[in-house]
Amino acid sequence: MRNLYDTNAPKKPTNLSLNSDLLAKTRALNINLSATLEQALRKELEQAEAKQWNEENKAAIKAYNNFVEENGCFGDDFREF
């Protein structure tokens, strides 16, 4: 499986605007903002790329499902379950 992004790329300082109360409460609990944001962005990227892949392959998936519906799945004759 390919990587979503280069995990060895250097860190880059970034300015963000956050809800001040949310920021204060997370800082009070010593929550690592950078690590938390990276995790959230990774999850969003995974979901966005999965959605994009499904859209790009929708026709092929439909064609395969139609083929299986009409012809059965390869190996059906050999299954013992």
Protein backbone atom coordinates (compact mmCIF):
# COMPACT_ATOMS: atom_id res chain seq x y z
CA MET A 1 0.00 0.00 0.00
CA ARG A 2 1.39 3.37 -0.91
CA ASN A 3 1.94 6.10 1.65
CA LEU A 4 -0.56 8.93 1.77
CA TYR A 5 2.26 11.43 2.14
CA ASP A 6 5.99 11.63 2.81
CA THR A 7 6.27 10.96 6.53
CA ASN A 8 9.94 11.99 6.42
CA ALA A 9 9.25 15.45 4.99
CA PRO A 10 10.47 18.27 7.23
CA LYS A 11 8.07 20.02 9.58
CA LYS A 12 6.85 23.44 8.49
CA PRO A 13 5.67 26.15 10.88
CA THR A 14 2.06 27.09 10.19
CA ASN A 15 -0.26 29.78 11.51
CA LEU A 16 -3.77 28.68 12.44
CA SER A 17 -6.86 30.34 13.79
CA LEU A 18 -8.57 28.30 16.49
CA ASN A 19 -11.41 28.78 18.90
CA SER A 20 -9.74 30.47 21.88
CA ASP A 21 -11.59 28.42 24.50
CA LEU A 22 -10.78 25.17 22.73
CA LEU A 23 -7.13 26.19 22.51
CA ALA A 24 -6.95 27.19 26.18
CA LYS A 25 -8.54 23.93 27.36
CA THR A 26 -6.30 21.74 25.23
CA ARG A 27 -3.19 23.61 26.36
CA ALA A 28 -4.30 23.26 29.99
CA LEU A 29 -4.37 19.49 29.48
CA ASN A 30 -0.97 19.51 27.73
CA ILE A 31 -2.43 18.11 24.52
CA ASN A 32 0.15 18.18 21.74
CA LEU A 33 -1.46 20.43 19.12
CA SER A 34 0.90 19.51 16.28
CA ALA A 35 0.52 15.76 16.77
CA THR A 36 -3.25 16.04 17.19
CA LEU A 37 -3.62 18.13 14.04
CA GLU A 38 -1.40 15.76 12.06
CA GLN A 39 -3.56 12.81 13.13
CA ALA A 40 -6.75 14.66 12.20
CA LEU A 41 -5.35 15.73 8.83
CA ARG A 42 -4.13 12.20 8.10
CA LYS A 43 -7.61 10.84 8.80
CA GLU A 44 -9.23 13.49 6.58
CA LEU A 45 -6.73 12.77 3.80
CA GLU A 46 -7.43 9.02 4.02
CA GLN A 47 -11.17 9.61 3.77
CA ALA A 48 -10.86 12.11 0.91
CA GLU A 49 -8.57 9.85 -1.10
CA ALA A 50 -10.81 6.82 -0.51
CA LYS A 51 -13.82 8.82 -1.71
CA GLN A 52 -11.87 10.00 -4.76
CA TRP A 53 -10.73 6.44 -5.54
CA ASN A 54 -14.31 5.17 -5.30
CA GLU A 55 -15.51 7.90 -7.67
CA GLU A 56 -12.71 7.25 -10.15
CA ASN A 57 -13.39 3.49 -10.13
CA LYS A 58 -17.19 3.56 -9.87
CA ALA A 59 -17.72 2.32 -13.45
CA ALA A 60 -15.24 -0.55 -13.09
CA ILE A 61 -16.74 -1.62 -9.76
CA LYS A 62 -20.23 -1.57 -11.26
CA ALA A 63 -19.08 -3.56 -14.31
CA TYR A 64 -17.40 -6.16 -12.09
CA ASN A 65 -20.46 -6.47 -9.84
CA ASN A 66 -22.67 -6.93 -12.91
CA PHE A 67 -20.30 -9.58 -14.27
CA VAL A 68 -20.34 -11.49 -10.97
CA GLU A 69 -24.12 -11.21 -10.77
CA GLU A 70 -24.49 -12.68 -14.28
CA ASN A 71 -21.63 -15.21 -14.23
CA GLY A 72 -20.86 -15.89 -10.61
CA CYS A 73 -17.56 -15.43 -8.88
CA PHE A 74 -14.38 -17.12 -10.05
CA GLY A 75 -13.83 -20.22 -7.98
CA ASP A 76 -17.48 -20.72 -6.99
CA ASP A 77 -17.32 -24.28 -8.36
CA PHE A 78 -14.41 -25.10 -6.09
CA ARG A 79 -15.69 -23.64 -2.81
CA GLU A 80 -16.51 -26.10 -0.08
CA PHE A 81 -18.26 -23.67 2.26
